[in-house]
Amino acid sequence: RRWVREGAEEEFDLPGTIHATAEHGYLDVQTRPERRNAVKLLMFFDVGGSMDDHIRSVEELFSAARAEFRQLEYFYFHNCLYEGVWKDNRRRHGEVIPT
């Protein structure tokens, strides 16, 4: 994992609060941006055929990954990555990206 701080200040900063309080002589509560995982993730989903029994699990995995990883790119394929991949499963016959 590669953690970075970004976004609005949301997380309580205990060391910063202690330092600011000591420096100013009064309670000075400090916050900092929440840490987020900055890893770039590339996911490939096998769809159709024997994978139909696992649709629910794959949907949960995709949902969790999309919530956790800011830089997520995903592609679908059927049986073998060597045949080609596509971005939109509804258009898998028309918009295939050759591999």
PDB file of N, CA and C in Angstrom:
ATOM      1  N   ARG A   1       0.840  -1.188   0.000  1.00  0.00           N
ATOM      2  CA  ARG A   1       0.000   0.000   0.000  1.00  0.00           C
ATOM      3  C   ARG A   1       0.874   1.237   0.000  1.00  0.00           C
ATOM      4  N   ARG A   2       0.367   2.255  -0.641  1.00  0.00           N
ATOM      5  CA  ARG A   2       1.050   3.539  -0.650  1.00  0.00           C
ATOM      6  C   ARG A   2       0.043   4.576  -0.154  1.00  0.00           C
ATOM      7  N   TRP A   3       0.217   5.037   1.073  1.00  0.00           N
ATOM      8  CA  TRP A   3      -0.732   5.950   1.687  1.00  0.00           C
ATOM      9  C   TRP A   3      -0.363   7.395   1.379  1.00  0.00           C
ATOM     10  N   VAL A   4      -1.348   8.206   1.056  1.00  0.00           N
ATOM     11  CA  VAL A   4      -1.164   9.639   0.855  1.00  0.00           C
ATOM     12  C   VAL A   4      -2.306  10.367   1.552  1.00  0.00           C
ATOM     13  N   ARG A   5      -2.054  11.617   1.890  1.00  0.00           N
ATOM     14  CA  ARG A   5      -3.099  12.433   2.505  1.00  0.00           C
ATOM     15  C   ARG A   5      -3.645  13.382   1.444  1.00  0.00           C
ATOM     16  N   GLU A   6      -4.948  13.361   1.276  1.00  0.00           N
ATOM     17  CA  GLU A   6      -5.576  14.234   0.288  1.00  0.00           C
ATOM     18  C   GLU A   6      -7.004  14.500   0.695  1.00  0.00           C
ATOM     19  N   GLY A   7      -7.565  15.547   0.151  1.00  0.00           N
ATOM     20  CA  GLY A   7      -8.962  15.853   0.408  1.00  0.00           C
ATOM     21  C   GLY A   7      -9.154  16.792   1.587  1.00  0.00           C
ATOM     22  N   ALA A   8     -10.386  16.901   2.044  1.00  0.00           N
ATOM     23  CA  ALA A   8     -10.743  17.788   3.142  1.00  0.00           C
ATOM     24  C   ALA A   8     -10.175  17.267   4.457  1.00  0.00           C
ATOM     25  N   GLU A   9      -9.953  18.197   5.390  1.00  0.00           N
ATOM     26  CA  GLU A   9      -9.459  17.801   6.701  1.00  0.00           C
ATOM     27  C   GLU A   9     -10.569  17.071   7.452  1.00  0.00           C
ATOM     28  N   GLU A  10     -10.351  15.815   7.765  1.00  0.00           N
ATOM     29  CA  GLU A  10     -11.400  15.018   8.387  1.00  0.00           C
ATOM     30  C   GLU A  10     -10.911  14.226   9.589  1.00  0.00           C
ATOM     31  N   GLU A  11      -9.615  14.000   9.699  1.00  0.00           N
ATOM     32  CA  GLU A  11      -9.085  13.096  10.707  1.00  0.00           C
ATOM     33  C   GLU A  11      -8.441  13.909  11.830  1.00  0.00           C
ATOM     34  N   PHE A  12      -8.696  13.542  13.075  1.00  0.00           N
ATOM     35  CA  PHE A  12      -8.094  14.200  14.229  1.00  0.00           C
ATOM     36  C   PHE A  12      -6.594  13.950  14.231  1.00  0.00           C
ATOM     37  N   ASP A  13      -5.811  15.007  14.399  1.00  0.00           N
ATOM     38  CA  ASP A  13      -4.348  14.928  14.396  1.00  0.00           C
ATOM     39  C   ASP A  13      -3.849  15.125  15.825  1.00  0.00           C
ATOM     40  N   LEU A  14      -3.655  14.026  16.562  1.00  0.00           N
ATOM     41  CA  LEU A  14      -3.235  14.107  17.963  1.00  0.00           C
ATOM     42  C   LEU A  14      -1.862  14.753  18.114  1.00  0.00           C
ATOM     43  N   PRO A  15      -0.820  14.285  17.396  1.00  0.00           N
ATOM     44  CA  PRO A  15       0.487  14.938  17.553  1.00  0.00           C
ATOM     45  C   PRO A  15       0.443  16.428  17.172  1.00  0.00           C
ATOM     46  N   GLY A  16      -0.292  16.765  16.131  1.00  0.00           N
ATOM     47  CA  GLY A  16      -0.422  18.164  15.720  1.00  0.00           C
ATOM     48  C   GLY A  16      -1.150  18.994  16.757  1.00  0.00           C
ATOM     49  N   THR A  17      -2.175  18.421  17.378  1.00  0.00           N
ATOM     50  CA  THR A  17      -2.927  19.113  18.421  1.00  0.00           C
ATOM     51  C   THR A  17      -2.045  19.363  19.639  1.00  0.00           C
ATOM     52  N   ILE A  18      -1.268  18.364  20.049  1.00  0.00           N
ATOM     53  CA  ILE A  18      -0.361  18.521  21.194  1.00  0.00           C
ATOM     54  C   ILE A  18       0.656  19.622  20.906  1.00  0.00           C
ATOM     55  N   HIS A  19       1.249  19.592  19.732  1.00  0.00           N
ATOM     56  CA  HIS A  19       2.251  20.597  19.358  1.00  0.00           C
ATOM     57  C   HIS A  19       1.638  22.001  19.310  1.00  0.00           C
ATOM     58  N   ALA A  20       0.484  22.149  18.657  1.00  0.00           N
ATOM     59  CA  ALA A  20      -0.163  23.457  18.531  1.00  0.00           C
ATOM     60  C   ALA A  20      -0.620  23.983  19.884  1.00  0.00           C
ATOM     61  N   THR A  21      -1.111  23.104  20.758  1.00  0.00           N
ATOM     62  CA  THR A  21      -1.547  23.512  22.089  1.00  0.00           C
ATOM     63  C   THR A  21      -0.362  24.014  22.904  1.00  0.00           C
ATOM     64  N   ALA A  22       0.749  23.288  22.846  1.00  0.00           N
ATOM     65  CA  ALA A  22       1.953  23.702  23.578  1.00  0.00           C
ATOM     66  C   ALA A  22       2.502  25.016  23.022  1.00  0.00           C
ATOM     67  N   GLU A  23       2.437  25.195  21.734  1.00  0.00           N
ATOM     68  CA  GLU A  23       2.979  26.398  21.100  1.00  0.00           C
ATOM     69  C   GLU A  23       2.140  27.637  21.393  1.00  0.00           C
ATOM     70  N   HIS A  24       0.805  27.478  21.401  1.00  0.00           N
ATOM     71  CA  HIS A  24      -0.083  28.633  21.567  1.00  0.00           C
ATOM     72  C   HIS A  24      -0.534  28.860  23.007  1.00  0.00           C
ATOM     73  N   GLY A  25      -0.413  27.862  23.860  1.00  0.00           N
ATOM     74  CA  GLY A  25      -0.803  28.024  25.260  1.00  0.00           C
ATOM     75  C   GLY A  25      -2.282  27.804  25.522  1.00  0.00           C
ATOM     76  N   TYR A  26      -3.014  27.345  24.554  1.00  0.00           N
ATOM     77  CA  TYR A  26      -4.426  27.002  24.724  1.00  0.00           C
ATOM     78  C   TYR A  26      -4.732  25.802  23.837  1.00  0.00           C
ATOM     79  N   LEU A  27      -5.878  25.155  24.101  1.00  0.00           N
ATOM     80  CA  LEU A  27      -6.244  23.972  23.315  1.00  0.00           C
ATOM     81  C   LEU A  27      -6.481  24.383  21.865  1.00  0.00           C
ATOM     82  N   ASP A  28      -5.682  23.833  20.973  1.00  0.00           N
ATOM     83  CA  ASP A  28      -5.767  24.142  19.547  1.00  0.00           C
ATOM     84  C   ASP A  28      -5.904  22.821  18.782  1.00  0.00           C
ATOM     85  N   VAL A  29      -7.148  22.401  18.589  1.00  0.00           N
ATOM     86  CA  VAL A  29      -7.422  21.118  17.945  1.00  0.00           C
ATOM     87  C   VAL A  29      -7.032  21.188  16.468  1.00  0.00           C
ATOM     88  N   GLN A  30      -6.248  20.211  16.036  1.00  0.00           N
ATOM     89  CA  GLN A  30      -5.778  20.137  14.657  1.00  0.00           C
ATOM     90  C   GLN A  30      -6.389  18.917  13.969  1.00  0.00           C
ATOM     91  N   THR A  31      -6.679  19.079  12.705  1.00  0.00           N
ATOM     92  CA  THR A  31      -7.146  17.957  11.889  1.00  0.00           C
ATOM     93  C   THR A  31      -6.249  17.867  10.664  1.00  0.00           C
ATOM     94  N   ARG A  32      -6.360  16.759   9.954  1.00  0.00           N
ATOM     95  CA  ARG A  32      -5.564  16.554   8.743  1.00  0.00           C
ATOM     96  C   ARG A  32      -6.385  15.718   7.766  1.00  0.00           C
ATOM     97  N   PRO A  33      -6.018  15.786   6.482  1.00  0.00           N
ATOM     98  CA  PRO A  33      -6.756  14.976   5.502  1.00  0.00           C
ATOM     99  C   PRO A  33      -6.632  13.489   5.820  1.00  0.00           C
ATOM    100  N   GLU A  34      -7.707  12.783   5.611  1.00  0.00           N
ATOM    101  CA  GLU A  34      -7.711  11.338   5.835  1.00  0.00           C
ATOM    102  C   GLU A  34      -6.747  10.666   4.867  1.00  0.00           C
ATOM    103  N   ARG A  35      -6.068   9.634   5.355  1.00  0.00           N
ATOM    104  CA  ARG A  35      -5.149   8.894   4.491  1.00  0.00           C
ATOM    105  C   ARG A  35      -5.941   7.987   3.562  1.00  0.00           C
ATOM    106  N   ARG A  36      -5.538   7.999   2.290  1.00  0.00           N
ATOM    107  CA  ARG A  36      -6.178   7.135   1.294  1.00  0.00           C
ATOM    108  C   ARG A  36      -5.115   6.327   0.591  1.00  0.00           C
ATOM    109  N   ASN A  37      -5.516   5.174   0.145  1.00  0.00           N
ATOM    110  CA  ASN A  37      -4.613   4.294  -0.575  1.00  0.00           C
ATOM    111  C   ASN A  37      -4.417   4.839  -1.990  1.00  0.00           C
ATOM    112  N   ALA A  38      -3.168   5.143  -2.365  1.00  0.00           N
ATOM    113  CA  ALA A  38      -2.881   5.752  -3.669  1.00  0.00           C
ATOM    114  C   ALA A  38      -2.397   4.736  -4.701  1.00  0.00           C
ATOM    115  N   VAL A  39      -2.619   3.467  -4.442  1.00  0.00           N
ATOM    116  CA  VAL A  39      -2.202   2.425  -5.377  1.00  0.00           C
ATOM    117  C   VAL A  39      -3.088   2.478  -6.622  1.00  0.00           C
ATOM    118  N   LYS A  40      -2.493   2.295  -7.775  1.00  0.00           N
ATOM    119  CA  LYS A  40      -3.251   2.193  -9.022  1.00  0.00           C
ATOM    120  C   LYS A  40      -3.560   0.718  -9.242  1.00  0.00           C
ATOM    121  N   LEU A  41      -4.824   0.407  -9.502  1.00  0.00           N
ATOM    122  CA  LEU A  41      -5.254  -0.983  -9.616  1.00  0.00           C
ATOM    123  C   LEU A  41      -5.865  -1.246 -10.990  1.00  0.00           C
ATOM    124  N   LEU A  42      -5.469  -2.346 -11.587  1.00  0.00           N
ATOM    125  CA  LEU A  42      -6.003  -2.803 -12.862  1.00  0.00           C
ATOM    126  C   LEU A  42      -6.649  -4.160 -12.610  1.00  0.00           C
ATOM    127  N   MET A  43      -7.963  -4.274 -12.893  1.00  0.00           N
ATOM    128  CA  MET A  43      -8.691  -5.518 -12.636  1.00  0.00           C
ATOM    129  C   MET A  43      -9.252  -6.074 -13.940  1.00  0.00           C
ATOM    130  N   PHE A  44      -9.218  -7.395 -14.050  1.00  0.00           N
ATOM    131  CA  PHE A  44      -9.799  -8.096 -15.190  1.00  0.00           C
ATOM    132  C   PHE A  44     -10.840  -9.073 -14.660  1.00  0.00           C
ATOM    133  N   PHE A  45     -12.044  -9.025 -15.222  1.00  0.00           N
ATOM    134  CA  PHE A  45     -13.134  -9.889 -14.789  1.00  0.00           C
ATOM    135  C   PHE A  45     -13.506 -10.865 -15.896  1.00  0.00           C
ATOM    136  N   ASP A  46     -13.461 -12.145 -15.578  1.00  0.00           N
ATOM    137  CA  ASP A  46     -13.919 -13.188 -16.497  1.00  0.00           C
ATOM    138  C   ASP A  46     -15.437 -13.254 -16.362  1.00  0.00           C
ATOM    139  N   VAL A  47     -16.153 -13.077 -17.460  1.00  0.00           N
ATOM    140  CA  VAL A  47     -17.615 -13.053 -17.405  1.00  0.00           C
ATOM    141  C   VAL A  47     -18.206 -14.122 -18.311  1.00  0.00           C
ATOM    142  N   GLY A  48     -19.369 -14.611 -17.919  1.00  0.00           N
ATOM    143  CA  GLY A  48     -20.095 -15.579 -18.727  1.00  0.00           C
ATOM    144  C   GLY A  48     -19.670 -17.010 -18.492  1.00  0.00           C
ATOM    145  N   GLY A  49     -20.495 -17.917 -18.960  1.00  0.00           N
ATOM    146  CA  GLY A  49     -20.195 -19.343 -18.875  1.00  0.00           C
ATOM    147  C   GLY A  49     -20.048 -19.829 -17.448  1.00  0.00           C
ATOM    148  N   SER A  50     -18.923 -20.435 -17.145  1.00  0.00           N
ATOM    149  CA  SER A  50     -18.698 -21.038 -15.826  1.00  0.00           C
ATOM    150  C   SER A  50     -18.631 -19.997 -14.712  1.00  0.00           C
ATOM    151  N   MET A  51     -18.455 -18.735 -15.046  1.00  0.00           N
ATOM    152  CA  MET A  51     -18.356 -17.687 -14.023  1.00  0.00           C
ATOM    153  C   MET A  51     -19.720 -17.167 -13.577  1.00  0.00           C
ATOM    154  N   ASP A  52     -20.790 -17.561 -14.253  1.00  0.00           N
ATOM    155  CA  ASP A  52     -22.125 -17.083 -13.898  1.00  0.00           C
ATOM    156  C   ASP A  52     -22.496 -17.398 -12.453  1.00  0.00           C
ATOM    157  N   ASP A  53     -22.001 -18.502 -11.919  1.00  0.00           N
ATOM    158  CA  ASP A  53     -22.304 -18.873 -10.535  1.00  0.00           C
ATOM    159  C   ASP A  53     -21.644 -17.936  -9.524  1.00  0.00           C
ATOM    160  N   HIS A  54     -20.698 -17.130  -9.960  1.00  0.00           N
ATOM    161  CA  HIS A  54     -19.924 -16.281  -9.048  1.00  0.00           C
ATOM    162  C   HIS A  54     -20.234 -14.796  -9.214  1.00  0.00           C
ATOM    163  N   ILE A  55     -21.336 -14.480  -9.861  1.00  0.00           N
ATOM    164  CA  ILE A  55     -21.672 -13.084 -10.140  1.00  0.00           C
ATOM    165  C   ILE A  55     -21.754 -12.258  -8.865  1.00  0.00           C
ATOM    166  N   ARG A  56     -22.434 -12.749  -7.848  1.00  0.00           N
ATOM    167  CA  ARG A  56     -22.607 -11.990  -6.601  1.00  0.00           C
ATOM    168  C   ARG A  56     -21.259 -11.680  -5.953  1.00  0.00           C
ATOM    169  N   SER A  57     -20.377 -12.666  -5.874  1.00  0.00           N
ATOM    170  CA  SER A  57     -19.055 -12.457  -5.265  1.00  0.00           C
ATOM    171  C   SER A  57     -18.236 -11.435  -6.048  1.00  0.00           C
ATOM    172  N   VAL A  58     -18.288 -11.516  -7.361  1.00  0.00           N
ATOM    173  CA  VAL A  58     -17.530 -10.588  -8.200  1.00  0.00           C
ATOM    174  C   VAL A  58     -18.093  -9.171  -8.071  1.00  0.00           C
ATOM    175  N   GLU A  59     -19.409  -9.031  -7.991  1.00  0.00           N
ATOM    176  CA  GLU A  59     -20.013  -7.712  -7.794  1.00  0.00           C
ATOM    177  C   GLU A  59     -19.562  -7.098  -6.476  1.00  0.00           C
ATOM    178  N   GLU A  60     -19.507  -7.902  -5.412  1.00  0.00           N
ATOM    179  CA  GLU A  60     -19.054  -7.413  -4.110  1.00  0.00           C
ATOM    180  C   GLU A  60     -17.581  -7.010  -4.150  1.00  0.00           C
ATOM    181  N   LEU A  61     -16.765  -7.812  -4.819  1.00  0.00           N
ATOM    182  CA  LEU A  61     -15.346  -7.490  -4.964  1.00  0.00           C
ATOM    183  C   LEU A  61     -15.166  -6.180  -5.728  1.00  0.00           C
ATOM    184  N   PHE A  62     -15.883  -6.033  -6.832  1.00  0.00           N
ATOM    185  CA  PHE A  62     -15.780  -4.824  -7.642  1.00  0.00           C
ATOM    186  C   PHE A  62     -16.236  -3.600  -6.858  1.00  0.00           C
ATOM    187  N   SER A  63     -17.331  -3.722  -6.139  1.00  0.00           N
ATOM    188  CA  SER A  63     -17.850  -2.608  -5.351  1.00  0.00           C
ATOM    189  C   SER A  63     -16.856  -2.181  -4.274  1.00  0.00           C
ATOM    190  N   ALA A  64     -16.269  -3.153  -3.586  1.00  0.00           N
ATOM    191  CA  ALA A  64     -15.278  -2.847  -2.546  1.00  0.00           C
ATOM    192  C   ALA A  64     -14.033  -2.206  -3.146  1.00  0.00           C
ATOM    193  N   ALA A  65     -13.582  -2.707  -4.271  1.00  0.00           N
ATOM    194  CA  ALA A  65     -12.383  -2.156  -4.914  1.00  0.00           C
ATOM    195  C   ALA A  65     -12.637  -0.731  -5.395  1.00  0.00           C
ATOM    196  N   ARG A  66     -13.809  -0.488  -5.945  1.00  0.00           N
ATOM    197  CA  ARG A  66     -14.134   0.852  -6.441  1.00  0.00           C
ATOM    198  C   ARG A  66     -14.222   1.861  -5.299  1.00  0.00           C
ATOM    199  N   ALA A  67     -14.680   1.411  -4.137  1.00  0.00           N
ATOM    200  CA  ALA A  67     -14.771   2.306  -2.984  1.00  0.00           C
ATOM    201  C   ALA A  67     -13.396   2.591  -2.381  1.00  0.00           C
ATOM    202  N   GLU A  68     -12.494   1.640  -2.441  1.00  0.00           N
ATOM    203  CA  GLU A  68     -11.184   1.765  -1.784  1.00  0.00           C
ATOM    204  C   GLU A  68     -10.117   2.410  -2.659  1.00  0.00           C
ATOM    205  N   PHE A  69     -10.104   2.091  -3.936  1.00  0.00           N
ATOM    206  CA  PHE A  69      -9.029   2.542  -4.811  1.00  0.00           C
ATOM    207  C   PHE A  69      -9.511   3.667  -5.712  1.00  0.00           C
ATOM    208  N   ARG A  70      -8.841   4.783  -5.625  1.00  0.00           N
ATOM    209  CA  ARG A  70      -9.231   5.941  -6.407  1.00  0.00           C
ATOM    210  C   ARG A  70      -8.883   5.763  -7.882  1.00  0.00           C
ATOM    211  N   GLN A  71      -7.770   5.133  -8.137  1.00  0.00           N
ATOM    212  CA  GLN A  71      -7.320   4.939  -9.516  1.00  0.00           C
ATOM    213  C   GLN A  71      -7.506   3.475  -9.897  1.00  0.00           C
ATOM    214  N   LEU A  72      -8.722   3.149 -10.290  1.00  0.00           N
ATOM    215  CA  LEU A  72      -9.089   1.780 -10.649  1.00  0.00           C
ATOM    216  C   LEU A  72      -9.492   1.745 -12.116  1.00  0.00           C
ATOM    217  N   GLU A  73      -8.897   0.832 -12.842  1.00  0.00           N
ATOM    218  CA  GLU A  73      -9.302   0.605 -14.229  1.00  0.00           C
ATOM    219  C   GLU A  73      -9.655  -0.871 -14.346  1.00  0.00           C
ATOM    220  N   TYR A  74     -10.736  -1.165 -15.048  1.00  0.00           N
ATOM    221  CA  TYR A  74     -11.193  -2.554 -15.126  1.00  0.00           C
ATOM    222  C   TYR A  74     -11.580  -2.907 -16.557  1.00  0.00           C
ATOM    223  N   PHE A  75     -11.444  -4.191 -16.848  1.00  0.00           N
ATOM    224  CA  PHE A  75     -11.797  -4.728 -18.157  1.00  0.00           C
ATOM    225  C   PHE A  75     -12.477  -6.073 -17.963  1.00  0.00           C
ATOM    226  N   TYR A  76     -13.304  -6.441 -18.925  1.00  0.00           N
ATOM    227  CA  TYR A  76     -13.959  -7.742 -18.932  1.00  0.00           C
ATOM    228  C   TYR A  76     -13.335  -8.613 -20.017  1.00  0.00           C
ATOM    229  N   PHE A  77     -13.409  -9.921 -19.811  1.00  0.00           N
ATOM    230  CA  PHE A  77     -12.989 -10.869 -20.840  1.00  0.00           C
ATOM    231  C   PHE A  77     -13.793 -12.144 -20.650  1.00  0.00           C
ATOM    232  N   HIS A  78     -13.737 -13.039 -21.626  1.00  0.00           N
ATOM    233  CA  HIS A  78     -14.430 -14.319 -21.507  1.00  0.00           C
ATOM    234  C   HIS A  78     -13.449 -15.440 -21.807  1.00  0.00           C
ATOM    235  N   ASN A  79     -13.235 -16.280 -20.824  1.00  0.00           N
ATOM    236  CA  ASN A  79     -12.375 -17.462 -20.885  1.00  0.00           C
ATOM    237  C   ASN A  79     -10.888 -17.152 -20.959  1.00  0.00           C
ATOM    238  N   CYS A  80     -10.463 -16.288 -21.863  1.00  0.00           N
ATOM    239  CA  CYS A  80      -9.028 -16.111 -22.093  1.00  0.00           C
ATOM    240  C   CYS A  80      -8.707 -14.652 -22.415  1.00  0.00           C
ATOM    241  N   LEU A  81      -7.748 -14.090 -21.712  1.00  0.00           N
ATOM    242  CA  LEU A  81      -7.344 -12.703 -21.962  1.00  0.00           C
ATOM    243  C   LEU A  81      -6.765 -12.504 -23.353  1.00  0.00           C
ATOM    244  N   TYR A  82      -6.255 -13.555 -23.941  1.00  0.00           N
ATOM    245  CA  TYR A  82      -5.592 -13.436 -25.240  1.00  0.00           C
ATOM    246  C   TYR A  82      -6.554 -13.131 -26.378  1.00  0.00           C
ATOM    247  N   GLU A  83      -7.841 -13.374 -26.180  1.00  0.00           N
ATOM    248  CA  GLU A  83      -8.820 -13.134 -27.241  1.00  0.00           C
ATOM    249  C   GLU A  83      -9.200 -11.662 -27.355  1.00  0.00           C
ATOM    250  N   GLY A  84      -9.100 -10.916 -26.305  1.00  0.00           N
ATOM    251  CA  GLY A  84      -9.473  -9.505 -26.287  1.00  0.00           C
ATOM    252  C   GLY A  84     -10.214  -9.168 -25.006  1.00  0.00           C
ATOM    253  N   VAL A  85     -10.277  -7.890 -24.687  1.00  0.00           N
ATOM    254  CA  VAL A  85     -10.974  -7.405 -23.493  1.00  0.00           C
ATOM    255  C   VAL A  85     -11.892  -6.259 -23.910  1.00  0.00           C
ATOM    256  N   TRP A  86     -12.821  -5.891 -23.031  1.00  0.00           N
ATOM    257  CA  TRP A  86     -13.721  -4.779 -23.313  1.00  0.00           C
ATOM    258  C   TRP A  86     -14.055  -4.067 -22.020  1.00  0.00           C
ATOM    259  N   LYS A  87     -14.450  -2.775 -22.150  1.00  0.00           N
ATOM    260  CA  LYS A  87     -14.756  -1.938 -20.993  1.00  0.00           C
ATOM    261  C   LYS A  87     -16.215  -2.046 -20.567  1.00  0.00           C
ATOM    262  N   ASP A  88     -17.123  -2.176 -21.505  1.00  0.00           N
ATOM    263  CA  ASP A  88     -18.553  -2.198 -21.209  1.00  0.00           C
ATOM    264  C   ASP A  88     -19.091  -3.581 -21.559  1.00  0.00           C
ATOM    265  N   ASN A  89     -19.523  -4.325 -20.566  1.00  0.00           N
ATOM    266  CA  ASN A  89     -19.953  -5.708 -20.797  1.00  0.00           C
ATOM    267  C   ASN A  89     -21.174  -5.793 -21.711  1.00  0.00           C
ATOM    268  N   ARG A  90     -21.999  -4.749 -21.759  1.00  0.00           N
ATOM    269  CA  ARG A  90     -23.166  -4.764 -22.646  1.00  0.00           C
ATOM    270  C   ARG A  90     -22.767  -4.654 -24.111  1.00  0.00           C
ATOM    271  N   ARG A  91     -21.557  -4.155 -24.383  1.00  0.00           N
ATOM    272  CA  ARG A  91     -21.093  -3.976 -25.764  1.00  0.00           C
ATOM    273  C   ARG A  91     -19.891  -4.856 -26.058  1.00  0.00           C
ATOM    274  N   ARG A  92     -19.869  -6.007 -25.456  1.00  0.00           N
ATOM    275  CA  ARG A  92     -18.677  -6.851 -25.548  1.00  0.00           C
ATOM    276  C   ARG A  92     -18.405  -7.396 -26.944  1.00  0.00           C
ATOM    277  N   HIS A  93     -19.396  -7.440 -27.781  1.00  0.00           N
ATOM    278  CA  HIS A  93     -19.174  -7.953 -29.135  1.00  0.00           C
ATOM    279  C   HIS A  93     -18.752  -6.849 -30.100  1.00  0.00           C
ATOM    280  N   GLY A  94     -19.079  -5.617 -29.784  1.00  0.00           N
ATOM    281  CA  GLY A  94     -18.786  -4.527 -30.703  1.00  0.00           C
ATOM    282  C   GLY A  94     -17.560  -3.697 -30.357  1.00  0.00           C
ATOM    283  N   GLU A  95     -17.191  -3.639 -29.091  1.00  0.00           N
ATOM    284  CA  GLU A  95     -16.094  -2.762 -28.673  1.00  0.00           C
ATOM    285  C   GLU A  95     -14.986  -3.552 -27.992  1.00  0.00           C
ATOM    286  N   VAL A  96     -14.463  -4.531 -28.671  1.00  0.00           N
ATOM    287  CA  VAL A  96     -13.397  -5.372 -28.114  1.00  0.00           C
ATOM    288  C   VAL A  96     -12.048  -4.705 -28.347  1.00  0.00           C
ATOM    289  N   ILE A  97     -11.233  -4.687 -27.306  1.00  0.00           N
ATOM    290  CA  ILE A  97      -9.870  -4.168 -27.400  1.00  0.00           C
ATOM    291  C   ILE A  97      -8.954  -5.368 -27.597  1.00  0.00           C
ATOM    292  N   PRO A  98      -8.254  -5.461 -28.717  1.00  0.00           N
ATOM    293  CA  PRO A  98      -7.385  -6.626 -28.944  1.00  0.00           C
ATOM    294  C   PRO A  98      -6.239  -6.662 -27.935  1.00  0.00           C
ATOM    295  N   THR A  99      -5.860  -7.870 -27.535  1.00  0.00           N
ATOM    296  CA  THR A  99      -4.744  -8.011 -26.588  1.00  0.00           C
ATOM    297  C   THR A  99      -3.532  -8.608 -27.258  1.00  0.00           C
TER     298      THR A  99
END
